[in-house]
């Protein structure tokens, strides 16, 4: 092997240029193998690569959520659901909005919510278009869950039927 390299360096040009190129190639190979994880966003025009320190399940959950929004037929219009007790719903009808505590209120996906007896389920209508503050918060188990941090006007809610999924 070393004799092949010596023969290649002697016959293809300046030995220092060839050795610099070989060294640069080894550095690039090392960078590719030992580099950080990447998060790639594909758009019709371009691919965007973001280097991240580490990959964890919360990031996978968030990217799955984004894929559901982007690839769904309805877009993001009816993804988030809210579960209220009957007392909370009666209070909201009186005031015209649902008050949200400072630490936020958890939201559920439309595929995971089940409306049980004593509860009323709602679908948020166009939460992003109406400038509601929805954030993905990572819990102790590092799973990101959506939480809303602004009061919700009841005109933005669509009532779900009992047991509807």
N, C-alpha and C. Protein backbone atom coordinates (compact mmCIF):
# COMPACT_ATOMS: atom_id res chain seq x y z
N UNK A 1 0.81 -1.20 0.00
CA UNK A 1 0.00 0.00 0.00
C UNK A 1 0.86 1.27 0.00
N UNK A 2 1.86 1.38 0.89
CA UNK A 2 2.67 2.60 0.87
C UNK A 2 3.42 2.79 -0.44
N UNK A 3 3.82 1.69 -1.08
CA UNK A 3 4.52 1.82 -2.37
C UNK A 3 3.58 2.36 -3.45
N UNK A 4 2.32 2.00 -3.39
CA UNK A 4 1.34 2.53 -4.34
C UNK A 4 1.19 4.03 -4.17
N UNK A 5 1.15 4.49 -2.92
CA UNK A 5 1.02 5.92 -2.66
C UNK A 5 2.25 6.68 -3.15
N UNK A 6 3.42 6.10 -2.91
CA UNK A 6 4.65 6.76 -3.37
C UNK A 6 4.66 6.85 -4.89
N UNK A 7 4.27 5.79 -5.57
CA UNK A 7 4.22 5.81 -7.03
C UNK A 7 3.20 6.82 -7.53
N UNK A 8 2.06 6.91 -6.87
CA UNK A 8 1.03 7.88 -7.27
C UNK A 8 1.53 9.30 -7.07
N UNK A 9 2.16 9.58 -5.94
CA UNK A 9 2.66 10.93 -5.68
C UNK A 9 3.78 11.32 -6.65
N UNK A 10 4.61 10.37 -7.07
CA UNK A 10 5.73 10.69 -7.96
C UNK A 10 5.28 10.98 -9.38
N UNK A 11 4.19 10.39 -9.84
CA UNK A 11 3.83 10.50 -11.25
C UNK A 11 2.64 11.40 -11.54
N UNK A 12 1.95 11.90 -10.54
CA UNK A 12 0.77 12.72 -10.80
C UNK A 12 0.96 14.20 -10.48
N UNK A 13 2.13 14.67 -10.19
CA UNK A 13 2.35 16.08 -9.94
C UNK A 13 3.20 16.30 -8.71
N UNK A 14 3.16 17.51 -8.23
CA UNK A 14 3.95 17.87 -7.07
C UNK A 14 3.54 17.03 -5.86
N UNK A 15 4.53 16.49 -5.19
CA UNK A 15 4.27 15.59 -4.08
C UNK A 15 3.57 16.31 -2.92
N UNK A 16 3.90 17.57 -2.67
CA UNK A 16 3.30 18.30 -1.56
C UNK A 16 1.82 18.63 -1.82
N UNK A 17 1.50 18.92 -3.07
CA UNK A 17 0.10 19.16 -3.42
C UNK A 17 -0.71 17.88 -3.24
N UNK A 18 -0.15 16.76 -3.70
CA UNK A 18 -0.85 15.49 -3.56
C UNK A 18 -1.02 15.09 -2.09
N UNK A 19 0.03 15.30 -1.29
CA UNK A 19 -0.06 14.96 0.13
C UNK A 19 -1.07 15.87 0.85
N UNK A 20 -1.12 17.14 0.44
CA UNK A 20 -2.11 18.07 1.03
C UNK A 20 -3.52 17.64 0.68
N UNK A 21 -3.71 17.23 -0.57
CA UNK A 21 -5.05 16.77 -0.98
C UNK A 21 -5.45 15.50 -0.23
N UNK A 22 -4.51 14.57 -0.07
CA UNK A 22 -4.80 13.33 0.65
C UNK A 22 -5.12 13.63 2.11
N UNK A 23 -4.35 14.54 2.73
CA UNK A 23 -4.60 14.91 4.12
C UNK A 23 -5.97 15.59 4.26
N UNK A 24 -6.29 16.48 3.34
CA UNK A 24 -7.60 17.14 3.35
C UNK A 24 -8.73 16.13 3.18
N UNK A 25 -8.53 15.15 2.33
CA UNK A 25 -9.53 14.10 2.14
C UNK A 25 -9.75 13.29 3.41
N UNK A 26 -8.65 12.99 4.12
CA UNK A 26 -8.78 12.27 5.39
C UNK A 26 -9.51 13.10 6.44
N UNK A 27 -9.24 14.41 6.49
CA UNK A 27 -9.95 15.27 7.42
C UNK A 27 -11.44 15.32 7.11
N UNK A 28 -11.78 15.42 5.83
CA UNK A 28 -13.20 15.43 5.45
C UNK A 28 -13.86 14.10 5.78
N UNK A 29 -13.14 13.00 5.58
CA UNK A 29 -13.68 11.69 5.94
C UNK A 29 -13.93 11.61 7.44
N UNK A 30 -12.98 12.09 8.24
CA UNK A 30 -13.17 12.10 9.69
C UNK A 30 -14.35 12.99 10.09
N UNK A 31 -14.46 14.16 9.48
CA UNK A 31 -15.57 15.07 9.80
C UNK A 31 -16.91 14.42 9.46
N UNK A 32 -16.98 13.69 8.37
CA UNK A 32 -18.21 13.01 7.99
C UNK A 32 -18.58 11.90 8.94
N UNK A 33 -17.58 11.19 9.45
CA UNK A 33 -17.86 10.08 10.36
C UNK A 33 -18.13 10.54 11.79
N UNK A 34 -17.41 11.57 12.24
CA UNK A 34 -17.53 12.00 13.64
C UNK A 34 -18.34 13.27 13.79
N UNK A 35 -18.97 13.73 12.72
CA UNK A 35 -19.73 14.97 12.78
C UNK A 35 -20.99 14.84 13.61
N UNK A 36 -21.65 15.95 13.85
CA UNK A 36 -22.87 15.96 14.65
C UNK A 36 -24.05 15.47 13.82
N UNK A 37 -25.16 15.17 14.52
CA UNK A 37 -26.39 14.80 13.84
C UNK A 37 -26.93 16.01 13.09
N UNK A 38 -27.67 15.74 12.05
CA UNK A 38 -28.27 16.84 11.29
C UNK A 38 -29.77 16.66 11.24
N UNK A 39 -30.45 17.77 11.17
CA UNK A 39 -31.90 17.83 11.00
C UNK A 39 -32.11 18.47 9.64
N UNK A 40 -32.66 17.75 8.68
CA UNK A 40 -32.79 18.23 7.32
C UNK A 40 -34.24 18.58 7.03
N UNK A 41 -34.43 19.76 6.47
CA UNK A 41 -35.75 20.21 6.05
C UNK A 41 -35.74 20.27 4.53
N UNK A 42 -36.64 19.52 3.91
CA UNK A 42 -36.73 19.49 2.46
C UNK A 42 -37.84 20.43 2.01
N UNK A 43 -37.52 21.32 1.11
CA UNK A 43 -38.53 22.19 0.50
C UNK A 43 -38.48 21.97 -1.00
N UNK A 44 -39.47 22.43 -1.74
CA UNK A 44 -39.42 22.23 -3.19
C UNK A 44 -38.20 22.89 -3.86
N UNK A 45 -37.67 23.91 -3.25
CA UNK A 45 -36.55 24.63 -3.86
C UNK A 45 -35.18 24.21 -3.35
N UNK A 46 -35.08 23.85 -2.10
CA UNK A 46 -33.78 23.63 -1.49
C UNK A 46 -33.88 22.72 -0.28
N UNK A 47 -32.75 22.11 0.07
CA UNK A 47 -32.65 21.34 1.31
C UNK A 47 -31.88 22.17 2.32
N UNK A 48 -32.39 22.22 3.55
CA UNK A 48 -31.72 22.95 4.62
C UNK A 48 -31.25 21.96 5.66
N UNK A 49 -29.95 21.97 5.97
CA UNK A 49 -29.38 21.09 6.98
C UNK A 49 -29.03 21.90 8.21
N UNK A 50 -29.50 21.44 9.37
CA UNK A 50 -29.19 22.09 10.64
C UNK A 50 -28.43 21.08 11.49
N UNK A 51 -27.27 21.47 12.00
CA UNK A 51 -26.50 20.61 12.87
C UNK A 51 -27.08 20.71 14.28
N UNK A 52 -27.31 19.56 14.89
CA UNK A 52 -27.86 19.54 16.24
C UNK A 52 -26.90 18.77 17.14
N UNK A 53 -26.92 19.10 18.43
CA UNK A 53 -26.00 18.46 19.37
C UNK A 53 -26.32 16.99 19.56
N UNK A 54 -27.59 16.68 19.74
CA UNK A 54 -27.98 15.28 19.92
C UNK A 54 -29.42 15.12 19.48
N UNK A 55 -29.73 13.92 19.07
CA UNK A 55 -31.09 13.59 18.66
C UNK A 55 -31.78 12.91 19.84
N UNK A 56 -33.01 13.28 20.11
CA UNK A 56 -33.75 12.66 21.21
C UNK A 56 -35.21 12.52 20.79
N UNK A 57 -36.00 11.71 21.51
CA UNK A 57 -37.37 11.41 21.09
C UNK A 57 -38.26 12.64 20.93
N UNK A 58 -38.03 13.69 21.71
CA UNK A 58 -38.84 14.89 21.58
C UNK A 58 -38.70 15.54 20.22
N UNK A 59 -37.50 15.53 19.70
CA UNK A 59 -37.27 16.08 18.37
C UNK A 59 -37.96 15.22 17.31
N UNK A 60 -37.91 13.92 17.49
CA UNK A 60 -38.61 13.03 16.58
C UNK A 60 -40.12 13.26 16.64
N UNK A 61 -40.66 13.46 17.85
CA UNK A 61 -42.08 13.73 18.03
C UNK A 61 -42.47 15.03 17.33
N UNK A 62 -41.64 16.07 17.50
CA UNK A 62 -41.91 17.36 16.88
C UNK A 62 -41.86 17.27 15.37
N UNK A 63 -40.87 16.57 14.82
CA UNK A 63 -40.77 16.45 13.36
C UNK A 63 -41.93 15.62 12.81
N UNK A 64 -42.38 14.63 13.56
CA UNK A 64 -43.55 13.85 13.14
C UNK A 64 -44.79 14.74 13.10
N UNK A 65 -44.93 15.60 14.11
CA UNK A 65 -46.05 16.55 14.13
C UNK A 65 -46.00 17.46 12.91
N UNK A 66 -44.83 17.98 12.59
CA UNK A 66 -44.70 18.86 11.43
C UNK A 66 -45.03 18.12 10.14
N UNK A 67 -44.60 16.88 10.02
CA UNK A 67 -44.93 16.11 8.83
C UNK A 67 -46.44 15.90 8.71
N UNK A 68 -47.10 15.64 9.85
CA UNK A 68 -48.56 15.47 9.81
C UNK A 68 -49.24 16.75 9.33
N UNK A 69 -48.73 17.90 9.78
CA UNK A 69 -49.31 19.16 9.35
C UNK A 69 -49.07 19.39 7.87
N UNK A 70 -47.84 19.19 7.42
CA UNK A 70 -47.47 19.50 6.04
C UNK A 70 -48.13 18.53 5.07
N UNK A 71 -48.19 17.26 5.44
CA UNK A 71 -48.66 16.25 4.51
C UNK A 71 -50.16 15.96 4.61
N UNK A 72 -50.84 16.52 5.61
CA UNK A 72 -52.26 16.21 5.75
C UNK A 72 -53.08 16.98 4.73
N UNK A 73 -54.23 16.44 4.40
CA UNK A 73 -55.10 17.08 3.43
C UNK A 73 -55.69 18.38 3.96
N UNK A 74 -55.98 18.41 5.25
CA UNK A 74 -56.60 19.59 5.85
C UNK A 74 -55.57 20.62 6.30
N UNK A 75 -54.28 20.32 6.13
CA UNK A 75 -53.28 21.25 6.63
C UNK A 75 -53.29 21.24 8.14
N UNK A 76 -53.12 22.39 8.75
CA UNK A 76 -53.04 22.47 10.20
C UNK A 76 -54.33 22.94 10.83
N UNK A 77 -55.42 23.03 10.10
CA UNK A 77 -56.64 23.64 10.61
C UNK A 77 -57.19 22.96 11.86
N UNK A 78 -57.22 21.66 11.91
CA UNK A 78 -57.89 20.97 13.01
C UNK A 78 -56.98 19.95 13.68
N UNK A 79 -55.79 20.33 14.04
CA UNK A 79 -54.91 19.37 14.67
C UNK A 79 -55.06 19.36 16.19
N UNK A 80 -55.16 20.53 16.80
CA UNK A 80 -55.16 20.59 18.26
C UNK A 80 -56.56 20.45 18.84
N UNK A 81 -56.65 19.70 19.94
CA UNK A 81 -57.91 19.52 20.64
C UNK A 81 -57.73 19.90 22.10
N UNK A 82 -58.83 20.29 22.70
CA UNK A 82 -58.84 20.75 24.08
C UNK A 82 -59.94 20.01 24.83
N UNK A 83 -59.63 19.52 26.01
CA UNK A 83 -60.59 18.79 26.81
C UNK A 83 -60.91 19.62 28.05
N UNK A 84 -62.20 19.94 28.26
CA UNK A 84 -62.64 20.75 29.39
C UNK A 84 -63.66 19.96 30.21
N UNK A 85 -63.70 20.26 31.51
CA UNK A 85 -64.76 19.70 32.32
C UNK A 85 -66.04 20.49 32.04
N UNK A 86 -67.17 19.94 32.43
CA UNK A 86 -68.44 20.63 32.22
C UNK A 86 -68.44 21.98 32.95
N UNK A 87 -67.86 22.04 34.16
CA UNK A 87 -67.80 23.30 34.91
C UNK A 87 -66.96 24.34 34.18
N UNK A 88 -65.82 23.93 33.63
CA UNK A 88 -64.97 24.88 32.89
C UNK A 88 -65.70 25.40 31.65
N UNK A 89 -66.45 24.52 30.98
CA UNK A 89 -67.17 24.94 29.79
C UNK A 89 -68.28 25.93 30.15
N UNK A 90 -69.01 25.69 31.23
CA UNK A 90 -70.07 26.61 31.65
C UNK A 90 -69.48 27.98 32.01
N UNK A 91 -68.35 27.99 32.69
CA UNK A 91 -67.68 29.26 33.02
C UNK A 91 -67.22 29.98 31.75
N UNK A 92 -66.71 29.23 30.78
CA UNK A 92 -66.24 29.82 29.53
C UNK A 92 -67.40 30.42 28.73
N UNK A 93 -68.55 29.77 28.77
CA UNK A 93 -69.71 30.33 28.05
C UNK A 93 -70.14 31.65 28.67
N UNK A 94 -70.00 31.78 29.99
CA UNK A 94 -70.37 33.03 30.66
C UNK A 94 -69.39 34.16 30.33
N UNK A 95 -68.09 33.85 30.29
CA UNK A 95 -67.08 34.90 30.08
C UNK A 95 -66.75 35.13 28.62
N UNK A 96 -67.00 34.16 27.75
CA UNK A 96 -66.69 34.31 26.33
C UNK A 96 -65.31 33.80 25.95
N UNK A 97 -64.54 33.35 26.91
CA UNK A 97 -63.22 32.80 26.61
C UNK A 97 -62.82 31.78 27.68
N UNK A 98 -61.85 30.96 27.33
CA UNK A 98 -61.31 29.98 28.27
C UNK A 98 -60.02 30.56 28.82
N UNK A 99 -59.97 30.75 30.12
CA UNK A 99 -58.76 31.30 30.72
C UNK A 99 -57.71 30.19 30.85
N UNK A 100 -56.49 30.57 30.55
CA UNK A 100 -55.38 29.62 30.57
C UNK A 100 -54.42 30.02 31.69
N UNK A 101 -54.02 29.08 32.55
CA UNK A 101 -53.08 29.42 33.63
C UNK A 101 -51.70 29.81 33.08
N UNK A 102 -50.89 30.40 33.95
CA UNK A 102 -49.57 30.89 33.55
C UNK A 102 -48.67 29.79 32.99
N UNK A 103 -48.78 28.58 33.54
CA UNK A 103 -47.94 27.47 33.07
C UNK A 103 -48.46 26.84 31.79
N UNK A 104 -49.57 27.36 31.27
CA UNK A 104 -50.12 26.86 30.01
C UNK A 104 -51.10 25.72 30.22
N UNK A 105 -51.77 25.37 29.16
CA UNK A 105 -52.75 24.29 29.20
C UNK A 105 -52.38 23.27 28.12
N UNK A 106 -52.31 21.99 28.48
CA UNK A 106 -51.91 20.99 27.47
C UNK A 106 -52.97 20.82 26.39
N UNK A 107 -52.50 20.60 25.20
CA UNK A 107 -53.37 20.31 24.06
C UNK A 107 -53.12 18.87 23.63
N UNK A 108 -54.09 18.30 22.95
CA UNK A 108 -53.95 16.93 22.47
C UNK A 108 -54.15 16.90 20.97
N UNK A 109 -53.62 15.86 20.36
CA UNK A 109 -53.82 15.67 18.93
C UNK A 109 -55.20 15.11 18.66
N UNK A 110 -55.70 15.34 17.48
CA UNK A 110 -57.05 14.88 17.15
C UNK A 110 -57.12 13.35 17.12
N UNK A 111 -55.99 12.69 16.92
CA UNK A 111 -55.98 11.23 16.88
C UNK A 111 -55.88 10.60 18.27
N UNK A 112 -55.58 11.39 19.29
CA UNK A 112 -55.36 10.81 20.62
C UNK A 112 -56.43 11.20 21.63
N UNK A 113 -57.30 12.12 21.32
CA UNK A 113 -58.27 12.60 22.32
C UNK A 113 -59.49 11.69 22.35
N UNK A 114 -59.97 11.43 23.55
CA UNK A 114 -61.22 10.69 23.76
C UNK A 114 -62.04 11.49 24.76
N UNK A 115 -63.27 11.81 24.37
CA UNK A 115 -64.15 12.60 25.23
C UNK A 115 -64.96 11.65 26.10
N UNK A 116 -64.73 11.75 27.41
CA UNK A 116 -65.40 10.87 28.35
C UNK A 116 -66.56 11.61 29.01
N UNK A 117 -67.32 10.87 29.81
CA UNK A 117 -68.45 11.45 30.53
C UNK A 117 -67.97 12.54 31.49
N UNK A 118 -68.64 13.66 31.51
CA UNK A 118 -68.26 14.77 32.39
C UNK A 118 -67.28 15.74 31.75
N UNK A 119 -66.87 15.46 30.55
CA UNK A 119 -65.94 16.33 29.83
C UNK A 119 -66.55 16.77 28.51
N UNK A 120 -66.05 17.87 28.01
CA UNK A 120 -66.46 18.38 26.71
C UNK A 120 -65.19 18.56 25.89
N UNK A 121 -65.17 18.01 24.68
CA UNK A 121 -64.00 18.11 23.82
C UNK A 121 -64.21 19.15 22.73
N UNK A 122 -63.15 19.86 22.41
CA UNK A 122 -63.21 20.90 21.39
C UNK A 122 -62.02 20.79 20.45
N UNK A 123 -62.25 21.17 19.22
CA UNK A 123 -61.19 21.29 18.24
C UNK A 123 -60.90 22.77 18.08
N UNK A 124 -59.62 23.15 18.16
CA UNK A 124 -59.25 24.55 17.94
C UNK A 124 -59.29 24.84 16.45
N UNK A 125 -60.02 25.85 16.08
CA UNK A 125 -60.15 26.21 14.67
C UNK A 125 -59.06 27.21 14.29
N UNK A 126 -58.17 26.82 13.41
CA UNK A 126 -57.10 27.67 12.87
C UNK A 126 -56.29 28.37 13.96
N UNK A 127 -55.62 27.61 14.83
CA UNK A 127 -54.90 28.24 15.94
C UNK A 127 -53.75 29.12 15.49
N UNK A 128 -53.09 28.77 14.38
CA UNK A 128 -51.94 29.55 13.96
C UNK A 128 -52.36 30.84 13.26
N UNK A 129 -53.48 30.80 12.56
CA UNK A 129 -53.97 31.99 11.87
C UNK A 129 -54.49 33.03 12.86
N UNK A 130 -54.94 32.60 14.02
CA UNK A 130 -55.51 33.51 15.00
C UNK A 130 -54.52 33.92 16.08
N UNK A 131 -53.26 33.72 15.84
CA UNK A 131 -52.17 34.20 16.70
C UNK A 131 -52.29 33.73 18.15
N UNK A 132 -52.58 32.47 18.34
CA UNK A 132 -52.55 31.91 19.68
C UNK A 132 -51.12 31.47 19.98
N UNK A 133 -50.71 31.63 21.21
CA UNK A 133 -49.36 31.27 21.61
C UNK A 133 -49.32 29.79 21.98
N UNK A 134 -48.93 28.96 21.01
CA UNK A 134 -48.82 27.52 21.22
C UNK A 134 -47.34 27.17 21.14
N UNK A 135 -46.84 26.50 22.16
CA UNK A 135 -45.43 26.11 22.21
C UNK A 135 -45.33 24.63 22.49
N UNK A 136 -44.25 24.03 22.00
CA UNK A 136 -43.96 22.64 22.32
C UNK A 136 -43.01 22.64 23.50
N UNK A 137 -43.47 22.07 24.61
CA UNK A 137 -42.70 22.07 25.85
C UNK A 137 -42.21 20.66 26.11
N UNK A 138 -40.95 20.54 26.44
CA UNK A 138 -40.36 19.24 26.73
C UNK A 138 -40.50 18.94 28.22
N UNK A 139 -41.05 17.78 28.52
CA UNK A 139 -41.23 17.38 29.91
C UNK A 139 -40.01 16.64 30.44
N UNK A 140 -40.15 16.03 31.60
CA UNK A 140 -39.05 15.29 32.20
C UNK A 140 -38.64 14.09 31.35
N UNK A 141 -39.59 13.51 30.63
CA UNK A 141 -39.28 12.37 29.77
C UNK A 141 -38.77 12.81 28.40
N UNK A 142 -38.56 14.12 28.21
CA UNK A 142 -38.03 14.73 26.99
C UNK A 142 -38.95 14.54 25.78
N UNK A 143 -40.23 14.29 26.04
CA UNK A 143 -41.21 14.23 24.97
C UNK A 143 -41.87 15.60 24.86
N UNK A 144 -41.90 16.13 23.66
CA UNK A 144 -42.45 17.47 23.47
C UNK A 144 -43.96 17.39 23.30
N UNK A 145 -44.66 18.16 24.11
CA UNK A 145 -46.12 18.20 24.02
C UNK A 145 -46.56 19.64 23.78
N UNK A 146 -47.61 19.82 22.97
CA UNK A 146 -48.08 21.19 22.72
C UNK A 146 -48.83 21.74 23.93
N UNK A 147 -48.57 23.01 24.24
CA UNK A 147 -49.27 23.72 25.32
C UNK A 147 -49.65 25.08 24.78
N UNK A 148 -50.81 25.55 25.22
CA UNK A 148 -51.27 26.88 24.82
C UNK A 148 -51.09 27.82 26.01
N UNK A 149 -50.66 29.06 25.72
CA UNK A 149 -50.33 30.01 26.78
C UNK A 149 -51.16 31.29 26.70
N UNK A 150 -52.16 31.34 25.85
CA UNK A 150 -53.03 32.51 25.76
C UNK A 150 -54.48 32.09 25.98
N UNK A 151 -55.28 33.03 26.45
CA UNK A 151 -56.71 32.76 26.62
C UNK A 151 -57.33 32.47 25.26
N UNK A 152 -58.31 31.57 25.24
CA UNK A 152 -58.91 31.12 23.99
C UNK A 152 -60.34 31.63 23.89
N UNK A 153 -60.63 32.43 22.85
CA UNK A 153 -62.02 32.84 22.64
C UNK A 153 -62.87 31.63 22.26
N UNK A 154 -64.08 31.54 22.81
CA UNK A 154 -64.89 30.36 22.54
C UNK A 154 -65.36 30.30 21.08
N UNK A 155 -65.30 31.41 20.37
CA UNK A 155 -65.70 31.39 18.95
C UNK A 155 -64.71 30.58 18.11
N UNK A 156 -63.53 30.28 18.66
CA UNK A 156 -62.53 29.49 17.93
C UNK A 156 -62.66 27.99 18.17
N UNK A 157 -63.65 27.59 18.95
CA UNK A 157 -63.79 26.19 19.31
C UNK A 157 -64.92 25.53 18.55
N UNK A 158 -64.69 24.30 18.13
CA UNK A 158 -65.74 23.48 17.52
C UNK A 158 -65.95 22.29 18.44
N UNK A 159 -67.16 22.12 18.89
CA UNK A 159 -67.48 21.06 19.86
C UNK A 159 -67.43 19.69 19.19
N UNK A 160 -66.87 18.74 19.93
CA UNK A 160 -66.80 17.36 19.46
C UNK A 160 -67.94 16.57 20.06
N UNK A 161 -68.34 15.52 19.38
CA UNK A 161 -69.39 14.64 19.91
C UNK A 161 -68.78 13.74 20.99
N UNK A 162 -69.63 13.18 21.86
CA UNK A 162 -69.18 12.31 22.93
C UNK A 162 -68.49 11.08 22.32
N UNK A 163 -67.25 10.81 22.76
CA UNK A 163 -66.50 9.64 22.28
C UNK A 163 -65.89 9.82 20.91
N UNK A 164 -66.01 10.98 20.30
CA UNK A 164 -65.48 11.19 18.96
C UNK A 164 -63.95 11.17 18.99
N UNK A 165 -63.38 10.57 17.96
CA UNK A 165 -61.92 10.56 17.81
C UNK A 165 -61.59 11.30 16.54
